[in-house]
Amino acid sequence: MRLNAKPFPMRKTERHSGLPGEVYDEPGHLIRRAQQIAVSMFHSTIGSGVTPIQYCVLRVLQEHPGIDQVTLARFCALDTSTAADLAVRLEERGLVRRMMPMKSKRFRLLHLTPEGTALLRKLVPRSTVLASRLLQALNRDEKKVFMDLLRKFVHLNNDESRAPLDRGFARSRNGRR
């Protein structure tokens, strides 16, 4: 990997024409490529047979034990069927326990198992290494600007997602925030 990599320059005729340049300079393409790179680096750094979404689910359950699957979906920016499928798969792997509360059979509350907690103890330090790897080509000022702009982009466009992120400012079914 080249640490001094320069962005591909746009052709002079495309810079001021008002027409889009090459597809490689379009924001959607660059965001898709960034996602591909991030996922590849996630697997080479984190390993342990979890996907980035599964890691997110485990981290959210670590921070919010006992939330229901609908709340999990909101906290992870997933649709509810995907969140339910992930909960089942993680339960089958022994990482999550799904419990049906006595008062209602319509939803399940989720908790990490001791195995899930132990796995996170290994994965969280690796996520710090991953963050470093993802941003290593940027200097300190560029990292701050990049992260600030990335957060702003995601925040301002959250409602455009088919599964907007809701970080829990509304109450979940079990009354927790």
N, C-alpha and C. Protein backbone atom coordinates (compact mmCIF):
# COMPACT_ATOMS: atom_id res chain seq x y z
N MET A 1 0.84 -1.18 0.00
CA MET A 1 0.00 0.00 0.00
C MET A 1 0.88 1.24 0.00
N ARG A 2 0.54 2.16 -0.86
CA ARG A 2 1.30 3.41 -0.94
C ARG A 2 0.73 4.42 0.02
N LEU A 3 1.55 4.89 0.94
CA LEU A 3 1.07 5.87 1.91
C LEU A 3 0.95 7.26 1.30
N ASN A 4 1.68 7.54 0.22
CA ASN A 4 1.63 8.86 -0.39
C ASN A 4 0.73 8.85 -1.62
N ALA A 5 -0.20 7.93 -1.71
CA ALA A 5 -1.04 7.82 -2.90
C ALA A 5 -1.78 9.12 -3.14
N LYS A 6 -1.74 9.56 -4.37
CA LYS A 6 -2.45 10.78 -4.76
C LYS A 6 -3.75 10.37 -5.44
N PRO A 7 -4.80 11.19 -5.30
CA PRO A 7 -6.05 10.86 -5.98
C PRO A 7 -5.84 10.94 -7.49
N PHE A 8 -6.65 10.17 -8.21
CA PHE A 8 -6.58 10.22 -9.66
C PHE A 8 -7.03 11.61 -10.11
N PRO A 9 -6.24 12.29 -10.92
CA PRO A 9 -6.66 13.63 -11.37
C PRO A 9 -7.76 13.51 -12.42
N MET A 10 -8.66 14.48 -12.39
CA MET A 10 -9.69 14.52 -13.42
C MET A 10 -9.06 15.08 -14.69
N ARG A 11 -9.61 14.70 -15.83
CA ARG A 11 -9.13 15.26 -17.09
C ARG A 11 -9.49 16.74 -17.15
N LYS A 12 -8.63 17.51 -17.77
CA LYS A 12 -8.85 18.97 -17.85
C LYS A 12 -10.17 19.31 -18.51
N THR A 13 -10.57 18.56 -19.51
CA THR A 13 -11.81 18.87 -20.22
C THR A 13 -13.04 18.59 -19.37
N GLU A 14 -12.90 17.78 -18.33
CA GLU A 14 -14.05 17.41 -17.51
C GLU A 14 -14.17 18.27 -16.26
N ARG A 15 -13.13 18.96 -15.89
CA ARG A 15 -13.13 19.69 -14.63
C ARG A 15 -14.19 20.77 -14.57
N HIS A 16 -14.37 21.51 -15.63
CA HIS A 16 -15.25 22.67 -15.58
C HIS A 16 -16.40 22.57 -16.57
N SER A 17 -16.60 21.41 -17.17
CA SER A 17 -17.63 21.28 -18.19
C SER A 17 -19.03 21.16 -17.61
N GLY A 18 -19.13 20.86 -16.32
CA GLY A 18 -20.45 20.64 -15.72
C GLY A 18 -20.92 19.21 -15.92
N LEU A 19 -20.22 18.45 -16.74
CA LEU A 19 -20.56 17.04 -16.96
C LEU A 19 -19.76 16.19 -16.00
N PRO A 20 -20.32 15.06 -15.62
CA PRO A 20 -19.55 14.19 -14.71
C PRO A 20 -18.27 13.70 -15.39
N GLY A 21 -17.25 13.52 -14.56
CA GLY A 21 -16.00 12.96 -15.05
C GLY A 21 -16.13 11.45 -15.15
N GLU A 22 -15.05 10.78 -14.96
CA GLU A 22 -15.05 9.32 -14.99
C GLU A 22 -15.88 8.78 -13.83
N VAL A 23 -16.38 7.59 -14.00
CA VAL A 23 -17.16 6.94 -12.94
C VAL A 23 -16.34 6.83 -11.66
N TYR A 24 -15.05 6.72 -11.79
CA TYR A 24 -14.17 6.55 -10.63
C TYR A 24 -14.14 7.77 -9.72
N ASP A 25 -14.60 8.90 -10.21
CA ASP A 25 -14.63 10.12 -9.41
C ASP A 25 -16.02 10.41 -8.84
N GLU A 26 -16.99 9.56 -9.14
CA GLU A 26 -18.35 9.80 -8.64
C GLU A 26 -18.44 9.37 -7.17
N PRO A 27 -19.13 10.17 -6.35
CA PRO A 27 -19.21 9.86 -4.91
C PRO A 27 -19.76 8.46 -4.62
N GLY A 28 -20.80 8.06 -5.32
CA GLY A 28 -21.38 6.73 -5.07
C GLY A 28 -20.37 5.62 -5.31
N HIS A 29 -19.62 5.73 -6.39
CA HIS A 29 -18.60 4.72 -6.69
C HIS A 29 -17.51 4.72 -5.62
N LEU A 30 -17.06 5.91 -5.23
CA LEU A 30 -16.00 6.00 -4.23
C LEU A 30 -16.47 5.45 -2.88
N ILE A 31 -17.73 5.71 -2.53
CA ILE A 31 -18.26 5.18 -1.26
C ILE A 31 -18.36 3.65 -1.32
N ARG A 32 -18.79 3.12 -2.47
CA ARG A 32 -18.86 1.66 -2.63
C ARG A 32 -17.47 1.05 -2.53
N ARG A 33 -16.48 1.66 -3.17
CA ARG A 33 -15.11 1.15 -3.09
C ARG A 33 -14.58 1.24 -1.66
N ALA A 34 -14.88 2.34 -0.98
CA ALA A 34 -14.44 2.48 0.41
C ALA A 34 -15.05 1.36 1.26
N GLN A 35 -16.31 1.03 1.03
CA GLN A 35 -16.96 -0.07 1.76
C GLN A 35 -16.27 -1.40 1.45
N GLN A 36 -15.96 -1.65 0.18
CA GLN A 36 -15.26 -2.89 -0.18
C GLN A 36 -13.91 -2.98 0.54
N ILE A 37 -13.19 -1.89 0.53
CA ILE A 37 -11.87 -1.86 1.18
C ILE A 37 -12.02 -2.07 2.69
N ALA A 38 -12.99 -1.39 3.29
CA ALA A 38 -13.20 -1.51 4.74
C ALA A 38 -13.57 -2.94 5.13
N VAL A 39 -14.43 -3.58 4.35
CA VAL A 39 -14.83 -4.96 4.66
C VAL A 39 -13.63 -5.91 4.50
N SER A 40 -12.86 -5.73 3.44
CA SER A 40 -11.68 -6.57 3.24
C SER A 40 -10.69 -6.41 4.39
N MET A 41 -10.46 -5.16 4.80
CA MET A 41 -9.54 -4.92 5.92
C MET A 41 -10.13 -5.42 7.23
N PHE A 42 -11.45 -5.37 7.38
CA PHE A 42 -12.11 -5.91 8.57
C PHE A 42 -11.77 -7.39 8.69
N HIS A 43 -11.99 -8.15 7.61
CA HIS A 43 -11.76 -9.59 7.67
C HIS A 43 -10.28 -9.94 7.88
N SER A 44 -9.38 -9.17 7.27
CA SER A 44 -7.96 -9.49 7.46
C SER A 44 -7.45 -9.07 8.83
N THR A 45 -8.12 -8.14 9.49
CA THR A 45 -7.67 -7.66 10.80
C THR A 45 -8.44 -8.32 11.94
N ILE A 46 -9.75 -8.37 11.82
CA ILE A 46 -10.60 -8.88 12.90
C ILE A 46 -10.63 -10.40 12.89
N GLY A 47 -10.86 -10.98 11.69
CA GLY A 47 -10.93 -12.44 11.59
C GLY A 47 -12.04 -13.02 12.44
N SER A 48 -11.78 -14.15 13.06
CA SER A 48 -12.68 -14.83 14.01
C SER A 48 -14.06 -15.16 13.46
N GLY A 49 -14.21 -15.16 12.15
CA GLY A 49 -15.45 -15.65 11.57
C GLY A 49 -16.68 -14.80 11.81
N VAL A 50 -16.52 -13.51 12.08
CA VAL A 50 -17.69 -12.63 12.20
C VAL A 50 -17.64 -11.62 11.07
N THR A 51 -18.82 -11.20 10.65
CA THR A 51 -18.92 -10.16 9.64
C THR A 51 -18.97 -8.79 10.32
N PRO A 52 -18.76 -7.72 9.57
CA PRO A 52 -18.87 -6.39 10.19
C PRO A 52 -20.24 -6.15 10.84
N ILE A 53 -21.30 -6.64 10.23
CA ILE A 53 -22.64 -6.45 10.81
C ILE A 53 -22.79 -7.28 12.09
N GLN A 54 -22.29 -8.51 12.09
CA GLN A 54 -22.35 -9.33 13.30
C GLN A 54 -21.56 -8.68 14.43
N TYR A 55 -20.41 -8.12 14.09
CA TYR A 55 -19.61 -7.41 15.09
C TYR A 55 -20.40 -6.24 15.66
N CYS A 56 -21.06 -5.49 14.80
CA CYS A 56 -21.89 -4.36 15.26
C CYS A 56 -22.99 -4.85 16.20
N VAL A 57 -23.65 -5.94 15.83
CA VAL A 57 -24.72 -6.50 16.68
C VAL A 57 -24.17 -6.88 18.04
N LEU A 58 -23.05 -7.56 18.07
CA LEU A 58 -22.45 -7.97 19.35
C LEU A 58 -22.07 -6.75 20.19
N ARG A 59 -21.50 -5.73 19.56
CA ARG A 59 -21.13 -4.51 20.30
C ARG A 59 -22.37 -3.80 20.85
N VAL A 60 -23.43 -3.73 20.06
CA VAL A 60 -24.66 -3.08 20.53
C VAL A 60 -25.25 -3.86 21.70
N LEU A 61 -25.24 -5.19 21.62
CA LEU A 61 -25.76 -6.00 22.73
C LEU A 61 -24.88 -5.89 23.97
N GLN A 62 -23.61 -5.65 23.79
CA GLN A 62 -22.72 -5.42 24.92
C GLN A 62 -23.11 -4.12 25.63
N GLU A 63 -23.43 -3.11 24.85
CA GLU A 63 -23.80 -1.79 25.41
C GLU A 63 -25.25 -1.74 25.90
N HIS A 64 -26.12 -2.56 25.31
CA HIS A 64 -27.56 -2.51 25.61
C HIS A 64 -28.11 -3.93 25.84
N PRO A 65 -27.68 -4.60 26.90
CA PRO A 65 -28.17 -5.97 27.13
C PRO A 65 -29.68 -5.96 27.38
N GLY A 66 -30.35 -6.96 26.83
CA GLY A 66 -31.78 -7.11 27.07
C GLY A 66 -32.68 -6.33 26.13
N ILE A 67 -32.11 -5.73 25.07
CA ILE A 67 -32.98 -5.05 24.11
C ILE A 67 -33.69 -6.08 23.24
N ASP A 68 -34.80 -5.67 22.64
CA ASP A 68 -35.52 -6.57 21.76
C ASP A 68 -34.96 -6.47 20.34
N GLN A 69 -35.39 -7.38 19.47
CA GLN A 69 -34.86 -7.46 18.11
C GLN A 69 -35.19 -6.22 17.28
N VAL A 70 -36.36 -5.62 17.49
CA VAL A 70 -36.73 -4.40 16.76
C VAL A 70 -35.81 -3.26 17.16
N THR A 71 -35.53 -3.13 18.43
CA THR A 71 -34.62 -2.09 18.91
C THR A 71 -33.21 -2.35 18.39
N LEU A 72 -32.80 -3.61 18.39
CA LEU A 72 -31.49 -3.96 17.83
C LEU A 72 -31.41 -3.49 16.38
N ALA A 73 -32.46 -3.74 15.61
CA ALA A 73 -32.48 -3.31 14.21
C ALA A 73 -32.28 -1.80 14.11
N ARG A 74 -32.98 -1.04 14.93
CA ARG A 74 -32.85 0.43 14.91
C ARG A 74 -31.45 0.87 15.30
N PHE A 75 -30.88 0.25 16.32
CA PHE A 75 -29.55 0.64 16.82
C PHE A 75 -28.44 0.29 15.82
N CYS A 76 -28.67 -0.72 14.97
CA CYS A 76 -27.65 -1.16 14.00
C CYS A 76 -27.95 -0.71 12.58
N ALA A 77 -29.05 0.04 12.38
CA ALA A 77 -29.47 0.49 11.04
C ALA A 77 -29.70 -0.71 10.12
N LEU A 78 -30.49 -1.66 10.62
CA LEU A 78 -30.86 -2.85 9.86
C LEU A 78 -32.37 -2.93 9.74
N ASP A 79 -32.85 -3.63 8.71
CA ASP A 79 -34.28 -3.89 8.69
C ASP A 79 -34.56 -4.99 9.71
N THR A 80 -35.80 -5.09 10.16
CA THR A 80 -36.12 -5.99 11.28
C THR A 80 -35.92 -7.46 10.92
N SER A 81 -36.19 -7.85 9.68
CA SER A 81 -36.00 -9.26 9.32
C SER A 81 -34.52 -9.63 9.31
N THR A 82 -33.67 -8.73 8.87
CA THR A 82 -32.22 -9.00 8.90
C THR A 82 -31.74 -9.10 10.34
N ALA A 83 -32.21 -8.21 11.21
CA ALA A 83 -31.82 -8.27 12.62
C ALA A 83 -32.27 -9.58 13.25
N ALA A 84 -33.48 -10.02 12.93
CA ALA A 84 -33.98 -11.28 13.48
C ALA A 84 -33.14 -12.46 12.98
N ASP A 85 -32.80 -12.46 11.69
CA ASP A 85 -31.96 -13.53 11.14
C ASP A 85 -30.58 -13.54 11.79
N LEU A 86 -30.01 -12.36 11.98
CA LEU A 86 -28.70 -12.28 12.63
C LEU A 86 -28.76 -12.80 14.06
N ALA A 87 -29.82 -12.44 14.79
CA ALA A 87 -29.97 -12.92 16.17
C ALA A 87 -30.05 -14.44 16.21
N VAL A 88 -30.79 -15.04 15.28
CA VAL A 88 -30.91 -16.50 15.22
C VAL A 88 -29.54 -17.12 14.93
N ARG A 89 -28.83 -16.59 13.94
CA ARG A 89 -27.51 -17.14 13.58
C ARG A 89 -26.51 -17.01 14.73
N LEU A 90 -26.54 -15.86 15.40
CA LEU A 90 -25.61 -15.68 16.53
C LEU A 90 -26.01 -16.56 17.71
N GLU A 91 -27.30 -16.83 17.88
CA GLU A 91 -27.75 -17.76 18.91
C GLU A 91 -27.28 -19.18 18.58
N GLU A 92 -27.40 -19.57 17.32
CA GLU A 92 -26.94 -20.91 16.90
C GLU A 92 -25.45 -21.09 17.14
N ARG A 93 -24.69 -20.02 17.04
CA ARG A 93 -23.24 -20.07 17.29
C ARG A 93 -22.91 -19.97 18.78
N GLY A 94 -23.94 -19.77 19.62
CA GLY A 94 -23.71 -19.71 21.06
C GLY A 94 -23.22 -18.36 21.55
N LEU A 95 -23.37 -17.31 20.73
CA LEU A 95 -22.87 -15.99 21.10
C LEU A 95 -23.95 -15.09 21.70
N VAL A 96 -25.20 -15.39 21.40
CA VAL A 96 -26.34 -14.58 21.83
C VAL A 96 -27.41 -15.51 22.38
N ARG A 97 -28.12 -15.03 23.39
CA ARG A 97 -29.28 -15.76 23.94
C ARG A 97 -30.52 -14.91 23.66
N ARG A 98 -31.52 -15.52 23.04
CA ARG A 98 -32.80 -14.84 22.78
C ARG A 98 -33.80 -15.36 23.79
N MET A 99 -34.40 -14.45 24.53
CA MET A 99 -35.34 -14.86 25.58
C MET A 99 -36.71 -14.24 25.31
N MET A 100 -37.74 -15.05 25.47
CA MET A 100 -39.10 -14.55 25.33
C MET A 100 -39.60 -14.13 26.70
N PRO A 101 -39.98 -12.88 26.87
CA PRO A 101 -40.44 -12.44 28.19
C PRO A 101 -41.79 -13.09 28.54
N MET A 102 -42.02 -13.28 29.82
CA MET A 102 -43.26 -13.92 30.29
C MET A 102 -44.49 -13.12 29.88
N LYS A 103 -44.39 -11.79 29.88
CA LYS A 103 -45.55 -10.94 29.63
C LYS A 103 -45.97 -10.93 28.17
N SER A 104 -45.05 -11.19 27.25
CA SER A 104 -45.39 -11.11 25.84
C SER A 104 -44.61 -12.16 25.06
N LYS A 105 -45.30 -12.84 24.19
CA LYS A 105 -44.66 -13.85 23.34
C LYS A 105 -44.38 -13.27 21.95
N ARG A 106 -44.59 -11.96 21.78
CA ARG A 106 -44.48 -11.36 20.46
C ARG A 106 -43.07 -10.88 20.13
N PHE A 107 -42.18 -10.80 21.08
CA PHE A 107 -40.83 -10.33 20.80
C PHE A 107 -39.84 -11.06 21.69
N ARG A 108 -38.59 -10.94 21.36
CA ARG A 108 -37.52 -11.60 22.10
C ARG A 108 -36.51 -10.57 22.59
N LEU A 109 -36.04 -10.80 23.80
CA LEU A 109 -34.99 -9.96 24.37
C LEU A 109 -33.65 -10.64 24.14
N LEU A 110 -32.64 -9.86 23.88
CA LEU A 110 -31.34 -10.40 23.47
C LEU A 110 -30.26 -10.08 24.49
N HIS A 111 -29.43 -11.08 24.74
CA HIS A 111 -28.29 -10.94 25.66
C HIS A 111 -27.09 -11.65 25.07
N LEU A 112 -25.91 -11.13 25.33
CA LEU A 112 -24.70 -11.86 24.98
C LEU A 112 -24.56 -13.05 25.92
N THR A 113 -24.07 -14.14 25.41
CA THR A 113 -23.71 -15.28 26.26
C THR A 113 -22.29 -15.04 26.76
N PRO A 114 -21.84 -15.85 27.72
CA PRO A 114 -20.43 -15.72 28.13
C PRO A 114 -19.47 -15.90 26.95
N GLU A 115 -19.84 -16.77 26.00
CA GLU A 115 -19.00 -16.97 24.81
C GLU A 115 -18.96 -15.71 23.94
N GLY A 116 -20.11 -15.04 23.82
CA GLY A 116 -20.17 -13.79 23.06
C GLY A 116 -19.34 -12.71 23.72
N THR A 117 -19.41 -12.64 25.03
CA THR A 117 -18.62 -11.65 25.78
C THR A 117 -17.13 -11.94 25.62
N ALA A 118 -16.75 -13.22 25.70
CA ALA A 118 -15.34 -13.59 25.54
C ALA A 118 -14.84 -13.26 24.13
N LEU A 119 -15.67 -13.51 23.13
CA LEU A 119 -15.28 -13.20 21.76
C LEU A 119 -15.04 -11.69 21.62
N LEU A 120 -15.94 -10.89 22.17
CA LEU A 120 -15.77 -9.43 22.08
C LEU A 120 -14.50 -8.97 22.77
N ARG A 121 -14.13 -9.62 23.86
CA ARG A 121 -12.88 -9.25 24.55
C ARG A 121 -11.69 -9.39 23.62
N LYS A 122 -11.76 -10.34 22.68
CA LYS A 122 -10.69 -10.50 21.69
C LYS A 122 -10.83 -9.53 20.53
N LEU A 123 -12.08 -9.27 20.12
CA LEU A 123 -12.31 -8.49 18.91
C LEU A 123 -12.18 -6.98 19.09
N VAL A 124 -12.57 -6.45 20.23
CA VAL A 124 -12.57 -5.00 20.42
C VAL A 124 -11.15 -4.42 20.26
N PRO A 125 -10.11 -5.02 20.86
CA PRO A 125 -8.77 -4.47 20.63
C PRO A 125 -8.37 -4.53 19.14
N ARG A 126 -8.82 -5.55 18.44
CA ARG A 126 -8.52 -5.64 17.01
C ARG A 126 -9.23 -4.54 16.23
N SER A 127 -10.39 -4.11 16.71
CA SER A 127 -11.10 -3.04 16.00
C SER A 127 -10.32 -1.73 16.08
N THR A 128 -9.56 -1.55 17.15
CA THR A 128 -8.70 -0.37 17.26
C THR A 128 -7.59 -0.44 16.21
N VAL A 129 -7.04 -1.63 16.04
CA VAL A 129 -6.02 -1.84 15.00
C VAL A 129 -6.64 -1.58 13.62
N LEU A 130 -7.85 -2.07 13.42
CA LEU A 130 -8.55 -1.87 12.14
C LEU A 130 -8.73 -0.38 11.86
N ALA A 131 -9.19 0.37 12.84
CA ALA A 131 -9.40 1.81 12.65
C ALA A 131 -8.08 2.48 12.24
N SER A 132 -7.01 2.07 12.87
CA SER A 132 -5.70 2.61 12.54
C SER A 132 -5.31 2.27 11.10
N ARG A 133 -5.53 1.02 10.71
CA ARG A 133 -5.21 0.59 9.34
C ARG A 133 -6.03 1.35 8.32
N LEU A 134 -7.33 1.52 8.60
CA LEU A 134 -8.21 2.19 7.64
C LEU A 134 -7.77 3.62 7.36
N LEU A 135 -7.22 4.28 8.38
CA LEU A 135 -6.88 5.70 8.25
C LEU A 135 -5.38 5.96 8.16
N GLN A 136 -4.57 4.91 8.05
CA GLN A 136 -3.11 5.08 8.13
C GLN A 136 -2.52 5.95 7.02
N ALA A 137 -3.18 6.05 5.89
CA ALA A 137 -2.64 6.85 4.79
C ALA A 137 -2.87 8.35 4.99
N LEU A 138 -3.63 8.71 6.01
CA LEU A 138 -3.96 10.11 6.27
C LEU A 138 -3.13 10.65 7.42
N ASN A 139 -2.77 11.92 7.35
CA ASN A 139 -2.10 12.53 8.50
C ASN A 139 -3.16 12.88 9.56
N ARG A 140 -2.72 13.36 10.71
CA ARG A 140 -3.63 13.60 11.83
C ARG A 140 -4.76 14.56 11.46
N ASP A 141 -4.43 15.66 10.80
CA ASP A 141 -5.45 16.63 10.40
C ASP A 141 -6.44 16.02 9.39
N GLU A 142 -5.90 15.28 8.43
CA GLU A 142 -6.76 14.65 7.42
C GLU A 142 -7.69 13.62 8.07
N LYS A 143 -7.19 12.86 9.05
CA LYS A 143 -8.04 11.88 9.75
C LYS A 143 -9.21 12.58 10.42
N LYS A 144 -8.93 13.68 11.10
CA LYS A 144 -10.00 14.41 11.79
C LYS A 144 -11.01 14.94 10.79
N VAL A 145 -10.54 15.57 9.72
CA VAL A 145 -11.44 16.12 8.71
C VAL A 145 -12.25 14.99 8.06
N PHE A 146 -11.57 13.91 7.70
CA PHE A 146 -12.25 12.77 7.07
C PHE A 146 -13.36 12.23 7.98
N MET A 147 -13.04 11.99 9.24
CA MET A 147 -14.03 11.44 10.17
C MET A 147 -15.17 12.43 10.42
N ASP A 148 -14.85 13.71 10.54
CA ASP A 148 -15.89 14.72 10.73
C ASP A 148 -16.83 14.75 9.53
N LEU A 149 -16.26 14.74 8.32
CA LEU A 149 -17.10 14.78 7.11
C LEU A 149 -17.88 13.48 6.93
N LEU A 150 -17.27 12.36 7.26
CA LEU A 150 -17.97 11.08 7.14
C LEU A 150 -19.16 11.02 8.11
N ARG A 151 -18.94 11.44 9.35
CA ARG A 151 -20.05 11.50 10.32
C ARG A 151 -21.15 12.44 9.83
N LYS A 152 -20.76 13.60 9.33
CA LYS A 152 -21.73 14.58 8.83
C LYS A 152 -22.53 14.00 7.66
N PHE A 153 -21.84 13.39 6.72
CA PHE A 153 -22.51 12.79 5.56
C PHE A 153 -23.53 11.74 6.00
N VAL A 154 -23.10 10.86 6.89
CA VAL A 154 -23.99 9.79 7.36
C VAL A 154 -25.16 10.38 8.15
N HIS A 155 -24.88 11.32 9.03
CA HIS A 155 -25.94 11.93 9.84
C HIS A 155 -26.97 12.67 8.97
N LEU A 156 -26.49 13.50 8.05
CA LEU A 156 -27.40 14.30 7.24
C LEU A 156 -28.19 13.47 6.23
N ASN A 157 -27.70 12.29 5.89
CA ASN A 157 -28.38 11.44 4.91
C ASN A 157 -29.01 10.19 5.54
N ASN A 158 -29.05 10.13 6.86
CA ASN A 158 -29.58 8.96 7.56
C ASN A 158 -30.98 8.57 7.08
N ASP A 159 -31.86 9.55 6.89
CA ASP A 159 -33.24 9.25 6.50
C ASP A 159 -33.36 8.74 5.07
N GLU A 160 -32.31 8.83 4.29
CA GLU A 160 -32.33 8.30 2.92
C GLU A 160 -32.14 6.78 2.92
N SER A 161 -31.70 6.23 4.02
CA SER A 161 -31.44 4.79 4.13
C SER A 161 -32.75 4.02 4.23
N ARG A 162 -32.75 2.79 3.71
CA ARG A 162 -33.94 1.95 3.86
C ARG A 162 -34.10 1.47 5.31
N ALA A 163 -33.03 1.59 6.09
CA ALA A 163 -33.08 1.24 7.51
C ALA A 163 -32.29 2.31 8.27
N PRO A 164 -32.90 3.46 8.52
CA PRO A 164 -32.17 4.54 9.19
C PRO A 164 -31.69 4.14 10.59
N LEU A 165 -30.56 4.68 10.96
CA LEU A 165 -30.02 4.46 12.29
C LEU A 165 -30.83 5.25 13.30
N ASP A 166 -31.18 4.59 14.39
CA ASP A 166 -31.83 5.25 15.53
C ASP A 166 -31.02 4.82 16.74
N ARG A 167 -30.22 5.72 17.28
CA ARG A 167 -29.29 5.36 18.36
C ARG A 167 -29.95 5.24 19.71
N GLY A 168 -31.27 5.13 19.74
CA GLY A 168 -31.91 4.81 20.99
C GLY A 168 -32.41 5.97 21.79
N PHE A 169 -32.71 7.08 21.15
CA PHE A 169 -33.22 8.20 21.91
C PHE A 169 -34.69 7.98 22.28
N ALA A 170 -35.33 7.05 21.58
CA ALA A 170 -36.69 6.64 21.97
C ALA A 170 -36.56 5.39 22.83
N ARG A 171 -37.55 5.11 23.62
CA ARG A 171 -37.48 3.94 24.51
C ARG A 171 -37.69 2.65 23.75
N SER A 172 -36.97 1.61 24.14
CA SER A 172 -37.19 0.28 23.60
C SER A 172 -38.32 -0.37 24.38
N ARG A 173 -38.72 -1.55 23.97
CA ARG A 173 -39.86 -2.24 24.59
C ARG A 173 -39.63 -2.56 26.06
N ASN A 174 -38.38 -2.77 26.45
CA ASN A 174 -38.14 -3.11 27.86
C ASN A 174 -37.89 -1.89 28.72
N GLY A 175 -38.13 -0.68 28.14
CA GLY A 175 -38.05 0.55 28.93
C GLY A 175 -36.68 1.16 29.02
N ARG A 176 -35.67 0.52 28.44
CA ARG A 176 -34.31 1.07 28.47
C ARG A 176 -34.14 2.07 27.35
N ARG A 177 -33.17 2.93 27.51
CA ARG A 177 -32.83 3.88 26.45
C ARG A 177 -31.68 3.37 25.65
